[in-house]
Each structure stands twice: as C-alpha cells, then as structure tokens.
PDB file of N, CA and C in Angstrom:
ATOM      1  N   UNK A   1      97.770 164.880 105.022  1.00  0.00           N
ATOM      2  CA  UNK A   1      97.747 165.543 103.725  1.00  0.00           C
ATOM      3  C   UNK A   1      98.710 166.731 103.778  1.00  0.00           C
ATOM      4  N   UNK A   2      99.627 166.778 102.825  1.00  0.00           N
ATOM      5  CA  UNK A   2     100.585 167.877 102.820  1.00  0.00           C
ATOM      6  C   UNK A   2      99.963 169.131 102.192  1.00  0.00           C
ATOM      7  N   UNK A   3     100.702 170.222 102.260  1.00  0.00           N
ATOM      8  CA  UNK A   3     100.187 171.523 101.800  1.00  0.00           C
ATOM      9  C   UNK A   3      99.842 171.520 100.311  1.00  0.00           C
ATOM     10  N   UNK A   4     100.655 170.882  99.497  1.00  0.00           N
ATOM     11  CA  UNK A   4     100.401 170.830  98.057  1.00  0.00           C
ATOM     12  C   UNK A   4      99.113 170.048  97.759  1.00  0.00           C
ATOM     13  N   UNK A   5      98.896 168.970  98.468  1.00  0.00           N
ATOM     14  CA  UNK A   5      97.670 168.185  98.284  1.00  0.00           C
ATOM     15  C   UNK A   5      96.442 168.986  98.707  1.00  0.00           C
ATOM     16  N   UNK A   6      96.576 169.778  99.771  1.00  0.00           N
ATOM     17  CA  UNK A   6      95.467 170.625 100.215  1.00  0.00           C
ATOM     18  C   UNK A   6      95.114 171.664  99.155  1.00  0.00           C
ATOM     19  N   UNK A   7      96.135 172.249  98.541  1.00  0.00           N
ATOM     20  CA  UNK A   7      95.899 173.248  97.492  1.00  0.00           C
ATOM     21  C   UNK A   7      95.208 172.614  96.287  1.00  0.00           C
ATOM     22  N   UNK A   8      95.655 171.434  95.905  1.00  0.00           N
ATOM     23  CA  UNK A   8      95.031 170.733  94.786  1.00  0.00           C
ATOM     24  C   UNK A   8      93.574 170.410  95.083  1.00  0.00           C
ATOM     25  N   UNK A   9      93.306 169.962  96.305  1.00  0.00           N
ATOM     26  CA  UNK A   9      91.939 169.632  96.700  1.00  0.00           C
ATOM     27  C   UNK A   9      91.052 170.877  96.668  1.00  0.00           C
ATOM     28  N   UNK A  10      91.574 172.016  97.122  1.00  0.00           N
ATOM     29  CA  UNK A  10      90.814 173.260  97.100  1.00  0.00           C
ATOM     30  C   UNK A  10      90.523 173.696  95.669  1.00  0.00           C
ATOM     31  N   UNK A  11      91.504 173.600  94.808  1.00  0.00           N
ATOM     32  CA  UNK A  11      91.311 173.975  93.400  1.00  0.00           C
ATOM     33  C   UNK A  11      90.236 173.105  92.764  1.00  0.00           C
ATOM     34  N   UNK A  12      90.286 171.815  93.011  1.00  0.00           N
ATOM     35  CA  UNK A  12      89.268 170.914  92.468  1.00  0.00           C
ATOM     36  C   UNK A  12      87.877 171.250  93.003  1.00  0.00           C
ATOM     37  N   UNK A  13      87.813 171.585  94.275  1.00  0.00           N
ATOM     38  CA  UNK A  13      86.524 171.935  94.878  1.00  0.00           C
ATOM     39  C   UNK A  13      85.957 173.205  94.247  1.00  0.00           C
ATOM     40  N   UNK A  14      86.802 174.200  94.028  1.00  0.00           N
ATOM     41  CA  UNK A  14      86.343 175.464  93.442  1.00  0.00           C
ATOM     42  C   UNK A  14      85.940 175.314  91.983  1.00  0.00           C
ATOM     43  N   UNK A  15      86.438 174.282  91.323  1.00  0.00           N
ATOM     44  CA  UNK A  15      86.079 174.036  89.928  1.00  0.00           C
ATOM     45  C   UNK A  15      84.793 173.226  89.795  1.00  0.00           C
ATOM     46  N   UNK A  16      84.298 172.691  90.906  1.00  0.00           N
ATOM     47  CA  UNK A  16      83.070 171.893  90.893  1.00  0.00           C
ATOM     48  C   UNK A  16      81.909 172.761  90.402  1.00  0.00           C
ATOM     49  N   UNK A  17      81.138 172.242  89.483  1.00  0.00           N
ATOM     50  CA  UNK A  17      80.050 173.002  88.868  1.00  0.00           C
ATOM     51  C   UNK A  17      78.846 173.053  89.805  1.00  0.00           C
ATOM     52  N   UNK A  18      78.351 174.269  90.024  1.00  0.00           N
ATOM     53  CA  UNK A  18      77.148 174.488  90.825  1.00  0.00           C
ATOM     54  C   UNK A  18      75.939 174.584  89.902  1.00  0.00           C
ATOM     55  N   UNK A  19      76.054 175.397  88.861  1.00  0.00           N
ATOM     56  CA  UNK A  19      74.974 175.578  87.888  1.00  0.00           C
ATOM     57  C   UNK A  19      75.299 174.712  86.667  1.00  0.00           C
ATOM     58  N   UNK A  20      74.622 173.590  86.590  1.00  0.00           N
ATOM     59  CA  UNK A  20      74.897 172.626  85.522  1.00  0.00           C
ATOM     60  C   UNK A  20      74.567 173.204  84.143  1.00  0.00           C
ATOM     61  N   UNK A  21      73.438 173.876  84.034  1.00  0.00           N
ATOM     62  CA  UNK A  21      72.989 174.389  82.733  1.00  0.00           C
ATOM     63  C   UNK A  21      73.969 175.388  82.122  1.00  0.00           C
ATOM     64  N   UNK A  22      74.523 176.258  82.954  1.00  0.00           N
ATOM     65  CA  UNK A  22      75.430 177.297  82.460  1.00  0.00           C
ATOM     66  C   UNK A  22      76.904 176.964  82.705  1.00  0.00           C
ATOM     67  N   UNK A  23      77.171 175.864  83.417  1.00  0.00           N
ATOM     68  CA  UNK A  23      78.552 175.462  83.683  1.00  0.00           C
ATOM     69  C   UNK A  23      79.291 176.397  84.623  1.00  0.00           C
ATOM     70  N   UNK A  24      78.595 176.966  85.587  1.00  0.00           N
ATOM     71  CA  UNK A  24      79.200 177.942  86.494  1.00  0.00           C
ATOM     72  C   UNK A  24      79.760 177.226  87.722  1.00  0.00           C
ATOM     73  N   UNK A  25      81.065 177.398  87.965  1.00  0.00           N
ATOM     74  CA  UNK A  25      81.722 176.678  89.068  1.00  0.00           C
ATOM     75  C   UNK A  25      81.542 177.362  90.420  1.00  0.00           C
ATOM     76  N   UNK A  26      81.805 176.600  91.454  1.00  0.00           N
ATOM     77  CA  UNK A  26      81.722 177.084  92.830  1.00  0.00           C
ATOM     78  C   UNK A  26      82.596 178.312  93.045  1.00  0.00           C
ATOM     79  N   UNK A  27      83.752 178.343  92.413  1.00  0.00           N
ATOM     80  CA  UNK A  27      84.671 179.477  92.564  1.00  0.00           C
ATOM     81  C   UNK A  27      84.085 180.795  92.106  1.00  0.00           C
ATOM     82  N   UNK A  28      83.122 180.768  91.205  1.00  0.00           N
ATOM     83  CA  UNK A  28      82.457 181.993  90.759  1.00  0.00           C
ATOM     84  C   UNK A  28      81.233 182.294  91.627  1.00  0.00           C
ATOM     85  N   UNK A  29      80.633 181.267  92.190  1.00  0.00           N
ATOM     86  CA  UNK A  29      79.423 181.442  92.989  1.00  0.00           C
ATOM     87  C   UNK A  29      79.745 181.946  94.399  1.00  0.00           C
ATOM     88  N   UNK A  30      80.816 181.469  95.006  1.00  0.00           N
ATOM     89  CA  UNK A  30      81.124 181.834  96.393  1.00  0.00           C
ATOM     90  C   UNK A  30      81.266 183.339  96.626  1.00  0.00           C
ATOM     91  N   UNK A  31      81.970 184.088  95.761  1.00  0.00           N
ATOM     92  CA  UNK A  31      82.036 185.537  95.993  1.00  0.00           C
ATOM     93  C   UNK A  31      80.652 186.192  95.945  1.00  0.00           C
ATOM     94  N   UNK A  32      79.785 185.703  95.081  1.00  0.00           N
ATOM     95  CA  UNK A  32      78.424 186.241  95.006  1.00  0.00           C
ATOM     96  C   UNK A  32      77.641 185.894  96.262  1.00  0.00           C
ATOM     97  N   UNK A  33      77.847 184.695  96.787  1.00  0.00           N
ATOM     98  CA  UNK A  33      77.159 184.273  98.011  1.00  0.00           C
ATOM     99  C   UNK A  33      77.557 185.176  99.175  1.00  0.00           C
ATOM    100  N   UNK A  34      78.824 185.507  99.256  1.00  0.00           N
ATOM    101  CA  UNK A  34      79.313 186.338 100.367  1.00  0.00           C
ATOM    102  C   UNK A  34      78.681 187.731 100.367  1.00  0.00           C
ATOM    103  N   UNK A  35      78.305 188.226  99.187  1.00  0.00           N
ATOM    104  CA  UNK A  35      77.748 189.575  99.070  1.00  0.00           C
ATOM    105  C   UNK A  35      76.228 189.583  98.931  1.00  0.00           C
ATOM    106  N   UNK A  36      75.584 188.448  99.093  1.00  0.00           N
ATOM    107  CA  UNK A  36      74.145 188.355  98.834  1.00  0.00           C
ATOM    108  C   UNK A  36      73.394 187.814 100.034  1.00  0.00           C
ATOM    109  N   UNK A  37      72.097 188.088 100.023  1.00  0.00           N
ATOM    110  CA  UNK A  37      71.206 187.555 101.058  1.00  0.00           C
ATOM    111  C   UNK A  37      70.204 186.562 100.491  1.00  0.00           C
ATOM    112  N   UNK A  38      69.960 186.627  99.182  1.00  0.00           N
ATOM    113  CA  UNK A  38      68.957 185.759  98.567  1.00  0.00           C
ATOM    114  C   UNK A  38      69.544 185.021  97.376  1.00  0.00           C
ATOM    115  N   UNK A  39      68.877 183.954  96.983  1.00  0.00           N
ATOM    116  CA  UNK A  39      69.279 183.195  95.795  1.00  0.00           C
ATOM    117  C   UNK A  39      69.214 184.098  94.568  1.00  0.00           C
ATOM    118  N   UNK A  40      68.196 184.947  94.504  1.00  0.00           N
ATOM    119  CA  UNK A  40      68.039 185.847  93.351  1.00  0.00           C
ATOM    120  C   UNK A  40      69.226 186.798  93.216  1.00  0.00           C
ATOM    121  N   UNK A  41      69.727 187.297  94.342  1.00  0.00           N
ATOM    122  CA  UNK A  41      70.900 188.179  94.301  1.00  0.00           C
ATOM    123  C   UNK A  41      72.124 187.419  93.801  1.00  0.00           C
ATOM    124  N   UNK A  42      72.289 186.199  94.272  1.00  0.00           N
ATOM    125  CA  UNK A  42      73.413 185.372  93.800  1.00  0.00           C
ATOM    126  C   UNK A  42      73.273 185.145  92.299  1.00  0.00           C
ATOM    127  N   UNK A  43      72.072 184.832  91.843  1.00  0.00           N
ATOM    128  CA  UNK A  43      71.833 184.596  90.418  1.00  0.00           C
ATOM    129  C   UNK A  43      72.233 185.808  89.582  1.00  0.00           C
ATOM    130  N   UNK A  44      71.872 187.007  90.041  1.00  0.00           N
ATOM    131  CA  UNK A  44      72.231 188.225  89.294  1.00  0.00           C
ATOM    132  C   UNK A  44      73.742 188.431  89.261  1.00  0.00           C
ATOM    133  N   UNK A  45      74.401 188.174  90.368  1.00  0.00           N
ATOM    134  CA  UNK A  45      75.848 188.421  90.459  1.00  0.00           C
ATOM    135  C   UNK A  45      76.691 187.350  89.752  1.00  0.00           C
ATOM    136  N   UNK A  46      76.254 186.096  89.846  1.00  0.00           N
ATOM    137  CA  UNK A  46      77.075 184.996  89.325  1.00  0.00           C
ATOM    138  C   UNK A  46      76.590 184.457  87.982  1.00  0.00           C
ATOM    139  N   UNK A  47      75.368 184.818  87.576  1.00  0.00           N
ATOM    140  CA  UNK A  47      74.843 184.314  86.302  1.00  0.00           C
ATOM    141  C   UNK A  47      74.166 182.960  86.421  1.00  0.00           C
ATOM    142  N   UNK A  48      73.988 182.489  87.647  1.00  0.00           N
ATOM    143  CA  UNK A  48      73.323 181.207  87.860  1.00  0.00           C
ATOM    144  C   UNK A  48      71.815 181.375  87.711  1.00  0.00           C
ATOM    145  N   UNK A  49      71.110 180.251  87.614  1.00  0.00           N
ATOM    146  CA  UNK A  49      69.653 180.275  87.566  1.00  0.00           C
ATOM    147  C   UNK A  49      69.057 180.756  86.264  1.00  0.00           C
ATOM    148  N   UNK A  50      69.873 180.916  85.236  1.00  0.00           N
ATOM    149  CA  UNK A  50      69.393 181.454  83.967  1.00  0.00           C
ATOM    150  C   UNK A  50      69.454 180.435  82.838  1.00  0.00           C
ATOM    151  N   UNK A  51      69.719 179.187  83.198  1.00  0.00           N
ATOM    152  CA  UNK A  51      69.811 178.141  82.185  1.00  0.00           C
ATOM    153  C   UNK A  51      68.471 177.505  81.899  1.00  0.00           C
ATOM    154  N   UNK A  52      68.510 176.378  81.262  1.00  0.00           N
ATOM    155  CA  UNK A  52      67.305 175.678  80.836  1.00  0.00           C
ATOM    156  C   UNK A  52      66.381 175.267  81.967  1.00  0.00           C
ATOM    157  N   UNK A  53      66.932 175.002  83.156  1.00  0.00           N
ATOM    158  CA  UNK A  53      66.086 174.565  84.274  1.00  0.00           C
ATOM    159  C   UNK A  53      65.577 175.747  85.098  1.00  0.00           C
ATOM    160  N   UNK A  54      66.006 176.959  84.766  1.00  0.00           N
ATOM    161  CA  UNK A  54      65.578 178.187  85.451  1.00  0.00           C
ATOM    162  C   UNK A  54      65.869 178.142  86.954  1.00  0.00           C
ATOM    163  N   UNK A  55      66.970 177.521  87.328  1.00  0.00           N
ATOM    164  CA  UNK A  55      67.400 177.506  88.720  1.00  0.00           C
ATOM    165  C   UNK A  55      66.857 176.374  89.572  1.00  0.00           C
ATOM    166  N   UNK A  56      66.112 175.461  88.981  1.00  0.00           N
ATOM    167  CA  UNK A  56      65.557 174.359  89.777  1.00  0.00           C
ATOM    168  C   UNK A  56      66.648 173.423  90.294  1.00  0.00           C
ATOM    169  N   UNK A  57      67.754 173.308  89.574  1.00  0.00           N
ATOM    170  CA  UNK A  57      68.841 172.432  90.036  1.00  0.00           C
ATOM    171  C   UNK A  57      69.840 173.172  90.920  1.00  0.00           C
ATOM    172  N   UNK A  58      70.242 174.368  90.519  1.00  0.00           N
ATOM    173  CA  UNK A  58      71.263 175.083  91.291  1.00  0.00           C
ATOM    174  C   UNK A  58      70.674 175.888  92.440  1.00  0.00           C
ATOM    175  N   UNK A  59      69.403 176.232  92.366  1.00  0.00           N
ATOM    176  CA  UNK A  59      68.772 177.020  93.424  1.00  0.00           C
ATOM    177  C   UNK A  59      68.921 176.409  94.807  1.00  0.00           C
ATOM    178  N   UNK A  60      68.597 175.119  94.983  1.00  0.00           N
ATOM    179  CA  UNK A  60      68.775 174.508  96.304  1.00  0.00           C
ATOM    180  C   UNK A  60      70.232 174.485  96.766  1.00  0.00           C
ATOM    181  N   UNK A  61      71.147 174.302  95.857  1.00  0.00           N
ATOM    182  CA  UNK A  61      72.576 174.316  96.222  1.00  0.00           C
ATOM    183  C   UNK A  61      72.984 175.703  96.703  1.00  0.00           C
ATOM    184  N   UNK A  62      72.519 176.711  95.985  1.00  0.00           N
ATOM    185  CA  UNK A  62      72.852 178.091  96.352  1.00  0.00           C
ATOM    186  C   UNK A  62      72.207 178.441  97.691  1.00  0.00           C
ATOM    187  N   UNK A  63      70.970 178.008  97.916  1.00  0.00           N
ATOM    188  CA  UNK A  63      70.289 178.249  99.197  1.00  0.00           C
ATOM    189  C   UNK A  63      71.114 177.648 100.346  1.00  0.00           C
ATOM    190  N   UNK A  64      71.639 176.446 100.148  1.00  0.00           N
ATOM    191  CA  UNK A  64      72.474 175.797 101.165  1.00  0.00           C
ATOM    192  C   UNK A  64      73.745 176.604 101.422  1.00  0.00           C
ATOM    193  N   UNK A  65      74.379 177.085 100.353  1.00  0.00           N
ATOM    194  CA  UNK A  65      75.583 177.906 100.506  1.00  0.00           C
ATOM    195  C   UNK A  65      75.272 179.197 101.257  1.00  0.00           C
ATOM    196  N   UNK A  66      74.145 179.822 100.941  1.00  0.00           N
ATOM    197  CA  UNK A  66      73.744 181.050 101.639  1.00  0.00           C
ATOM    198  C   UNK A  66      73.501 180.775 103.125  1.00  0.00           C
ATOM    199  N   UNK A  67      72.806 179.692 103.425  1.00  0.00           N
ATOM    200  CA  UNK A  67      72.539 179.344 104.816  1.00  0.00           C
ATOM    201  C   UNK A  67      73.838 179.131 105.581  1.00  0.00           C
ATOM    202  N   UNK A  68      74.775 178.402 104.994  1.00  0.00           N
ATOM    203  CA  UNK A  68      76.064 178.159 105.641  1.00  0.00           C
ATOM    204  C   UNK A  68      76.833 179.458 105.827  1.00  0.00           C
ATOM    205  N   UNK A  69      76.825 180.298 104.818  1.00  0.00           N
ATOM    206  CA  UNK A  69      77.531 181.573 104.874  1.00  0.00           C
ATOM    207  C   UNK A  69      76.957 182.460 105.970  1.00  0.00           C
ATOM    208  N   UNK A  70      75.625 182.497 106.071  1.00  0.00           N
ATOM    209  CA  UNK A  70      74.985 183.336 107.088  1.00  0.00           C
ATOM    210  C   UNK A  70      75.234 182.799 108.491  1.00  0.00           C
ATOM    211  N   UNK A  71      75.257 181.472 108.646  1.00  0.00           N
ATOM    212  CA  UNK A  71      75.565 180.889 109.953  1.00  0.00           C
ATOM    213  C   UNK A  71      76.999 181.228 110.376  1.00  0.00           C
ATOM    214  N   UNK A  72      77.931 181.137 109.430  1.00  0.00           N
ATOM    215  CA  UNK A  72      79.336 181.428 109.741  1.00  0.00           C
ATOM    216  C   UNK A  72      79.544 182.904 110.095  1.00  0.00           C
ATOM    217  N   UNK A  73      78.799 183.776 109.430  1.00  0.00           N
ATOM    218  CA  UNK A  73      78.975 185.207 109.696  1.00  0.00           C
ATOM    219  C   UNK A  73      78.411 185.622 111.049  1.00  0.00           C
ATOM    220  N   UNK A  74      77.517 184.818 111.617  1.00  0.00           N
ATOM    221  CA  UNK A  74      76.938 185.127 112.932  1.00  0.00           C
ATOM    222  C   UNK A  74      77.859 184.722 114.076  1.00  0.00           C
ATOM    223  N   UNK A  75      78.835 183.864 113.793  1.00  0.00           N
ATOM    224  CA  UNK A  75      79.749 183.388 114.850  1.00  0.00           C
ATOM    225  C   UNK A  75      80.770 184.425 115.209  1.00  0.00           C
TER     226      UNK A  75
END
C-alpha cells in the first residue's frame, strides 16, 4: 500500500461513525478518549451518549477505545 492509499484509509477510518444516534465520527471521539478516563468524560467532551439510545450503542465502543488507549499509554 502506497502512502496516498494509507492516507485515504486513515481518513475513511476517522470518518467512521461511533455514535450512530448523533452521527459523531471516530475523528471527534479519539481526542476526547485521549483526555478521558471514563465513558462519561468522553460523552461530555465529544457529545456522544446523548442520542435516542442514551449511549447503549456507542458506550461499549467508547469503553473499548478507552481500554486500548490506556493499555497503549502504559507501554
């Protein structure tokens, strides 16, 4: 995969929707994840968890992102 294809793949990944109800993409959630310890903190910073499902769909995704982020920061 060349450099241009890698950039396109990254852009597509960052546009992937994490919070379906509010249409909030991964690119907006990741900065909040980096500065947060809990799903609730991410929700306040990124606006997730406030849609019709009240975070039942995006909450587990955000928890996974937080777990991965915390594991990476310990290395």
